[in-house]
Amino acid sequence: MPTAISISADDIKLEGRLNDTDSAKAIAAALPIQAVAQRWGREIYFSIPVVADLEPESREVMEKGELAYWLPGQAFCIFFGTTPASQGKEIRAASPVNVIGSIIGDCDNLTQVPDRANILIERR
């Protein structure tokens, strides 16, 4: 069963949903999570206290608003536009990521979240 979450970054608040993958379940079990955001183009990512394996459905090309777990950095990733790895207008992760969920609704206001912003993810 998916897990409803809220994501707060300074004054920006979003709703999201974690899916039923093993990575998403491990993250849901670790909530709430507080971290400091890092920006990589139009991706926000931050290390979290979760270790997971690469899942069979992992991929590099993402959709706007998707949430992912990046193994090398043990990081929670929020994709909302092109990254330095993108080719053209695609949204591309640095390497394969486990897709763990998505933002519900519009996520364009994430462009206002600066590097080093405080992030809080919690159950809704």
N, C-alpha and C. Protein backbone atom coordinates (compact mmCIF):
# COMPACT_ATOMS: atom_id res chain seq x y z
N MET A 1 0.85 -1.18 0.00
CA MET A 1 0.00 0.00 0.00
C MET A 1 0.89 1.25 0.00
N PRO A 2 0.66 2.20 -0.90
CA PRO A 2 1.47 3.42 -0.96
C PRO A 2 1.41 4.21 0.35
N THR A 3 2.46 4.98 0.61
CA THR A 3 2.56 5.80 1.81
C THR A 3 2.46 7.27 1.41
N ALA A 4 1.49 7.98 1.97
CA ALA A 4 1.34 9.41 1.73
C ALA A 4 2.39 10.15 2.55
N ILE A 5 3.09 11.11 1.90
CA ILE A 5 4.13 11.86 2.58
C ILE A 5 3.96 13.35 2.32
N SER A 6 4.58 14.15 3.18
CA SER A 6 4.71 15.58 2.92
C SER A 6 6.20 15.89 2.87
N ILE A 7 6.55 16.81 2.00
CA ILE A 7 7.94 17.24 1.85
C ILE A 7 7.95 18.75 2.05
N SER A 8 8.74 19.20 3.02
CA SER A 8 8.87 20.62 3.30
C SER A 8 10.31 21.03 3.06
N ALA A 9 10.49 22.12 2.32
CA ALA A 9 11.81 22.68 2.07
C ALA A 9 11.70 24.18 2.30
N ASP A 10 12.20 24.64 3.44
CA ASP A 10 12.01 26.02 3.85
C ASP A 10 10.51 26.32 3.80
N ASP A 11 10.05 27.27 2.99
CA ASP A 11 8.62 27.63 2.95
C ASP A 11 7.81 26.85 1.92
N ILE A 12 8.46 25.97 1.16
CA ILE A 12 7.80 25.18 0.13
C ILE A 12 7.28 23.89 0.75
N LYS A 13 6.02 23.58 0.49
CA LYS A 13 5.43 22.33 1.00
C LYS A 13 4.77 21.59 -0.15
N LEU A 14 5.07 20.29 -0.24
CA LEU A 14 4.51 19.45 -1.29
C LEU A 14 3.97 18.17 -0.68
N GLU A 15 3.04 17.55 -1.41
CA GLU A 15 2.56 16.23 -1.02
C GLU A 15 3.09 15.23 -2.01
N GLY A 16 3.32 14.02 -1.53
CA GLY A 16 3.82 12.97 -2.39
C GLY A 16 3.31 11.63 -1.95
N ARG A 17 3.73 10.63 -2.70
CA ARG A 17 3.32 9.26 -2.40
C ARG A 17 4.51 8.35 -2.66
N LEU A 18 4.85 7.51 -1.68
CA LEU A 18 5.86 6.48 -1.86
C LEU A 18 5.16 5.23 -2.35
N ASN A 19 5.77 4.54 -3.31
CA ASN A 19 5.16 3.32 -3.86
C ASN A 19 5.46 2.11 -2.97
N ASP A 20 5.25 0.93 -3.49
CA ASP A 20 5.40 -0.30 -2.70
C ASP A 20 6.70 -1.05 -2.97
N THR A 21 7.71 -0.39 -3.57
CA THR A 21 8.98 -1.07 -3.79
C THR A 21 9.70 -1.26 -2.46
N ASP A 22 10.69 -2.15 -2.45
CA ASP A 22 11.46 -2.39 -1.22
C ASP A 22 12.14 -1.12 -0.74
N SER A 23 12.70 -0.35 -1.68
CA SER A 23 13.37 0.91 -1.30
C SER A 23 12.39 1.88 -0.66
N ALA A 24 11.22 2.04 -1.27
CA ALA A 24 10.21 2.96 -0.74
C ALA A 24 9.74 2.51 0.64
N LYS A 25 9.56 1.23 0.83
CA LYS A 25 9.14 0.72 2.15
C LYS A 25 10.20 1.00 3.20
N ALA A 26 11.48 0.85 2.85
CA ALA A 26 12.56 1.13 3.79
C ALA A 26 12.59 2.61 4.15
N ILE A 27 12.34 3.47 3.17
CA ILE A 27 12.30 4.90 3.43
C ILE A 27 11.11 5.25 4.31
N ALA A 28 9.94 4.67 4.02
CA ALA A 28 8.75 4.92 4.83
C ALA A 28 9.00 4.53 6.29
N ALA A 29 9.72 3.43 6.50
CA ALA A 29 10.02 2.98 7.86
C ALA A 29 10.98 3.93 8.58
N ALA A 30 11.77 4.69 7.84
CA ALA A 30 12.74 5.61 8.43
C ALA A 30 12.17 7.01 8.70
N LEU A 31 10.94 7.28 8.26
CA LEU A 31 10.35 8.61 8.44
C LEU A 31 10.09 8.92 9.90
N PRO A 32 10.18 10.16 10.32
CA PRO A 32 10.51 11.35 9.54
C PRO A 32 12.01 11.44 9.27
N ILE A 33 12.35 12.11 8.17
CA ILE A 33 13.75 12.31 7.79
C ILE A 33 13.99 13.80 7.62
N GLN A 34 15.03 14.30 8.28
CA GLN A 34 15.46 15.69 8.11
C GLN A 34 16.82 15.67 7.44
N ALA A 35 17.05 16.60 6.53
CA ALA A 35 18.31 16.63 5.80
C ALA A 35 18.56 18.04 5.26
N VAL A 36 19.72 18.19 4.63
CA VAL A 36 20.08 19.44 3.96
C VAL A 36 20.13 19.17 2.47
N ALA A 37 19.37 19.95 1.71
CA ALA A 37 19.22 19.74 0.27
C ALA A 37 20.48 20.13 -0.49
N GLN A 38 20.71 19.39 -1.56
CA GLN A 38 21.71 19.75 -2.54
C GLN A 38 21.00 19.83 -3.88
N ARG A 39 21.41 20.77 -4.73
CA ARG A 39 20.81 20.93 -6.05
C ARG A 39 21.78 20.42 -7.11
N TRP A 40 21.22 19.76 -8.12
CA TRP A 40 21.98 19.31 -9.29
C TRP A 40 21.08 19.60 -10.48
N GLY A 41 21.22 20.80 -11.03
CA GLY A 41 20.26 21.23 -12.05
C GLY A 41 18.89 21.33 -11.41
N ARG A 42 17.91 20.69 -12.04
CA ARG A 42 16.55 20.69 -11.48
C ARG A 42 16.26 19.35 -10.80
N GLU A 43 17.18 18.99 -9.96
CA GLU A 43 17.03 17.84 -9.07
C GLU A 43 17.47 18.30 -7.69
N ILE A 44 16.71 17.90 -6.70
CA ILE A 44 17.09 18.09 -5.30
C ILE A 44 17.39 16.71 -4.76
N TYR A 45 18.51 16.58 -4.07
CA TYR A 45 18.84 15.29 -3.47
C TYR A 45 19.49 15.52 -2.12
N PHE A 46 19.45 14.48 -1.27
CA PHE A 46 20.04 14.56 0.06
C PHE A 46 20.20 13.15 0.60
N SER A 47 21.26 12.96 1.36
CA SER A 47 21.54 11.65 1.96
C SER A 47 20.51 11.34 3.02
N ILE A 48 20.14 10.06 3.08
CA ILE A 48 19.17 9.61 4.08
C ILE A 48 19.72 8.34 4.75
N PRO A 49 19.22 8.01 5.93
CA PRO A 49 19.72 6.85 6.66
C PRO A 49 19.10 5.53 6.20
N VAL A 50 19.14 5.28 4.90
CA VAL A 50 18.56 4.07 4.32
C VAL A 50 19.57 3.45 3.36
N VAL A 51 19.74 2.15 3.44
CA VAL A 51 20.58 1.42 2.49
C VAL A 51 19.68 0.47 1.73
N ALA A 52 19.76 0.50 0.41
CA ALA A 52 18.91 -0.36 -0.43
C ALA A 52 19.72 -0.87 -1.61
N ASP A 53 19.24 -1.96 -2.18
CA ASP A 53 19.87 -2.55 -3.37
C ASP A 53 19.21 -2.00 -4.62
N LEU A 54 19.93 -2.08 -5.74
CA LEU A 54 19.37 -1.68 -7.02
C LEU A 54 18.23 -2.63 -7.37
N GLU A 55 17.09 -2.07 -7.73
CA GLU A 55 15.91 -2.87 -8.04
C GLU A 55 15.82 -3.11 -9.55
N PRO A 56 15.16 -4.18 -9.96
CA PRO A 56 15.08 -4.51 -11.40
C PRO A 56 14.48 -3.39 -12.26
N GLU A 57 13.59 -2.59 -11.71
CA GLU A 57 12.94 -1.52 -12.47
C GLU A 57 13.72 -0.21 -12.43
N SER A 58 14.94 -0.21 -11.91
CA SER A 58 15.71 1.03 -11.81
C SER A 58 15.96 1.59 -13.21
N ARG A 59 16.15 2.92 -13.28
CA ARG A 59 16.39 3.56 -14.58
C ARG A 59 17.06 4.91 -14.36
N GLU A 60 17.51 5.49 -15.48
CA GLU A 60 18.16 6.80 -15.44
C GLU A 60 17.24 7.92 -15.92
N VAL A 61 16.42 7.66 -16.92
CA VAL A 61 15.52 8.70 -17.45
C VAL A 61 14.26 8.73 -16.59
N MET A 62 13.97 9.93 -16.08
CA MET A 62 12.90 10.09 -15.12
C MET A 62 11.79 10.97 -15.69
N GLU A 63 10.70 11.02 -14.98
CA GLU A 63 9.59 11.92 -15.32
C GLU A 63 9.57 13.05 -14.29
N LYS A 64 9.09 14.20 -14.71
CA LYS A 64 8.96 15.34 -13.80
C LYS A 64 8.09 14.95 -12.61
N GLY A 65 8.58 15.24 -11.41
CA GLY A 65 7.83 14.93 -10.19
C GLY A 65 8.11 13.57 -9.60
N GLU A 66 8.93 12.77 -10.26
CA GLU A 66 9.24 11.45 -9.69
C GLU A 66 10.24 11.57 -8.55
N LEU A 67 10.09 10.65 -7.60
CA LEU A 67 10.99 10.53 -6.46
C LEU A 67 11.81 9.27 -6.66
N ALA A 68 13.07 9.31 -6.24
CA ALA A 68 13.94 8.15 -6.45
C ALA A 68 14.95 8.02 -5.32
N TYR A 69 15.54 6.83 -5.26
CA TYR A 69 16.63 6.54 -4.33
C TYR A 69 17.87 6.28 -5.17
N TRP A 70 18.93 7.05 -4.90
CA TRP A 70 20.20 6.93 -5.62
C TRP A 70 21.19 6.20 -4.72
N LEU A 71 21.56 4.99 -5.13
CA LEU A 71 22.39 4.13 -4.29
C LEU A 71 23.76 4.70 -3.93
N PRO A 72 24.55 5.21 -4.90
CA PRO A 72 25.90 5.67 -4.54
C PRO A 72 25.94 6.71 -3.43
N GLY A 73 24.93 7.57 -3.36
CA GLY A 73 24.90 8.61 -2.33
C GLY A 73 23.94 8.31 -1.21
N GLN A 74 23.33 7.13 -1.21
CA GLN A 74 22.26 6.79 -0.27
C GLN A 74 21.32 8.00 -0.16
N ALA A 75 20.85 8.45 -1.33
CA ALA A 75 20.14 9.73 -1.38
C ALA A 75 18.71 9.60 -1.88
N PHE A 76 17.87 10.44 -1.31
CA PHE A 76 16.50 10.67 -1.74
C PHE A 76 16.57 11.76 -2.81
N CYS A 77 15.96 11.53 -3.96
CA CYS A 77 16.04 12.47 -5.08
C CYS A 77 14.64 12.90 -5.50
N ILE A 78 14.53 14.19 -5.80
CA ILE A 78 13.29 14.75 -6.32
C ILE A 78 13.62 15.36 -7.68
N PHE A 79 13.03 14.83 -8.73
CA PHE A 79 13.31 15.30 -10.09
C PHE A 79 12.19 16.23 -10.55
N PHE A 80 12.59 17.45 -11.00
CA PHE A 80 11.59 18.40 -11.48
C PHE A 80 12.03 19.13 -12.74
N GLY A 81 13.02 18.61 -13.42
CA GLY A 81 13.47 19.19 -14.68
C GLY A 81 14.82 18.63 -15.07
N THR A 82 15.44 19.27 -16.04
CA THR A 82 16.70 18.75 -16.57
C THR A 82 17.83 18.84 -15.54
N THR A 83 18.79 17.94 -15.70
CA THR A 83 19.98 17.89 -14.86
C THR A 83 21.20 18.02 -15.76
N PRO A 84 22.39 18.17 -15.19
CA PRO A 84 23.60 18.22 -16.04
C PRO A 84 23.80 16.96 -16.89
N ALA A 85 23.20 15.84 -16.52
CA ALA A 85 23.32 14.61 -17.30
C ALA A 85 22.27 14.50 -18.41
N SER A 86 21.30 15.39 -18.42
CA SER A 86 20.21 15.33 -19.40
C SER A 86 20.73 15.48 -20.82
N GLN A 87 20.06 14.80 -21.71
CA GLN A 87 20.33 14.94 -23.14
C GLN A 87 19.07 15.55 -23.74
N GLY A 88 19.19 16.80 -24.18
CA GLY A 88 18.01 17.50 -24.65
C GLY A 88 17.11 17.86 -23.48
N LYS A 89 15.82 17.63 -23.65
CA LYS A 89 14.86 18.02 -22.61
C LYS A 89 14.51 16.89 -21.64
N GLU A 90 15.15 15.73 -21.81
CA GLU A 90 14.86 14.63 -20.89
C GLU A 90 15.33 14.97 -19.48
N ILE A 91 14.81 14.26 -18.53
CA ILE A 91 15.23 14.38 -17.13
C ILE A 91 16.04 13.12 -16.84
N ARG A 92 17.33 13.29 -16.54
CA ARG A 92 18.21 12.14 -16.40
C ARG A 92 18.96 12.18 -15.07
N ALA A 93 18.94 11.05 -14.37
CA ALA A 93 19.72 10.88 -13.14
C ALA A 93 21.19 10.64 -13.49
N ALA A 94 22.07 10.80 -12.53
CA ALA A 94 23.50 10.61 -12.74
C ALA A 94 23.83 9.16 -13.07
N SER A 95 23.05 8.24 -12.52
CA SER A 95 23.19 6.80 -12.76
C SER A 95 21.84 6.18 -12.41
N PRO A 96 21.65 4.88 -12.66
CA PRO A 96 20.34 4.29 -12.38
C PRO A 96 19.87 4.52 -10.94
N VAL A 97 18.60 4.83 -10.81
CA VAL A 97 17.98 5.06 -9.51
C VAL A 97 16.76 4.15 -9.36
N ASN A 98 16.41 3.88 -8.12
CA ASN A 98 15.17 3.15 -7.82
C ASN A 98 14.04 4.18 -7.74
N VAL A 99 13.02 4.00 -8.55
CA VAL A 99 11.87 4.89 -8.50
C VAL A 99 11.05 4.52 -7.28
N ILE A 100 10.85 5.51 -6.38
CA ILE A 100 10.19 5.21 -5.11
C ILE A 100 8.84 5.91 -4.95
N GLY A 101 8.47 6.78 -5.89
CA GLY A 101 7.19 7.45 -5.77
C GLY A 101 7.13 8.69 -6.63
N SER A 102 6.22 9.59 -6.25
CA SER A 102 6.05 10.82 -7.03
C SER A 102 5.43 11.92 -6.19
N ILE A 103 5.62 13.14 -6.69
CA ILE A 103 4.97 14.31 -6.11
C ILE A 103 3.53 14.31 -6.62
N ILE A 104 2.61 14.73 -5.77
CA ILE A 104 1.21 14.86 -6.17
C ILE A 104 0.99 16.33 -6.54
N GLY A 105 0.61 16.57 -7.78
CA GLY A 105 0.37 17.94 -8.22
C GLY A 105 1.62 18.59 -8.79
N ASP A 106 1.58 19.89 -8.84
CA ASP A 106 2.63 20.69 -9.46
C ASP A 106 3.87 20.76 -8.56
N CYS A 107 5.04 20.68 -9.19
CA CYS A 107 6.28 20.78 -8.43
C CYS A 107 7.19 21.89 -8.97
N ASP A 108 6.65 22.80 -9.78
CA ASP A 108 7.45 23.88 -10.35
C ASP A 108 8.05 24.80 -9.29
N ASN A 109 7.40 24.91 -8.12
CA ASN A 109 7.94 25.79 -7.09
C ASN A 109 9.24 25.27 -6.48
N LEU A 110 9.64 24.05 -6.82
CA LEU A 110 10.92 23.53 -6.34
C LEU A 110 12.10 24.32 -6.91
N THR A 111 11.89 25.06 -7.98
CA THR A 111 12.97 25.90 -8.51
C THR A 111 13.38 26.96 -7.49
N GLN A 112 12.52 27.26 -6.52
CA GLN A 112 12.81 28.26 -5.50
C GLN A 112 13.60 27.70 -4.32
N VAL A 113 13.78 26.39 -4.27
CA VAL A 113 14.51 25.78 -3.15
C VAL A 113 16.01 25.91 -3.41
N PRO A 114 16.71 26.62 -2.53
CA PRO A 114 18.14 26.81 -2.74
C PRO A 114 18.96 25.62 -2.27
N ASP A 115 20.19 25.56 -2.75
CA ASP A 115 21.15 24.60 -2.23
C ASP A 115 21.28 24.86 -0.73
N ARG A 116 21.39 23.81 0.06
CA ARG A 116 21.56 23.87 1.51
C ARG A 116 20.26 24.18 2.27
N ALA A 117 19.12 24.12 1.61
CA ALA A 117 17.84 24.32 2.30
C ALA A 117 17.58 23.14 3.23
N ASN A 118 16.86 23.39 4.30
CA ASN A 118 16.47 22.33 5.21
C ASN A 118 15.26 21.60 4.63
N ILE A 119 15.33 20.27 4.67
CA ILE A 119 14.27 19.42 4.11
C ILE A 119 13.70 18.55 5.23
N LEU A 120 12.40 18.37 5.21
CA LEU A 120 11.74 17.45 6.14
C LEU A 120 10.77 16.60 5.33
N ILE A 121 10.90 15.29 5.47
CA ILE A 121 9.94 14.36 4.85
C ILE A 121 9.27 13.62 6.00
N GLU A 122 7.95 13.59 5.98
CA GLU A 122 7.21 12.88 7.03
C GLU A 122 5.94 12.28 6.47
N ARG A 123 5.38 11.36 7.22
CA ARG A 123 4.10 10.76 6.83
C ARG A 123 3.02 11.81 6.91
N ARG A 124 2.07 11.69 6.01
CA ARG A 124 0.94 12.61 6.00
C ARG A 124 -0.24 11.95 6.67
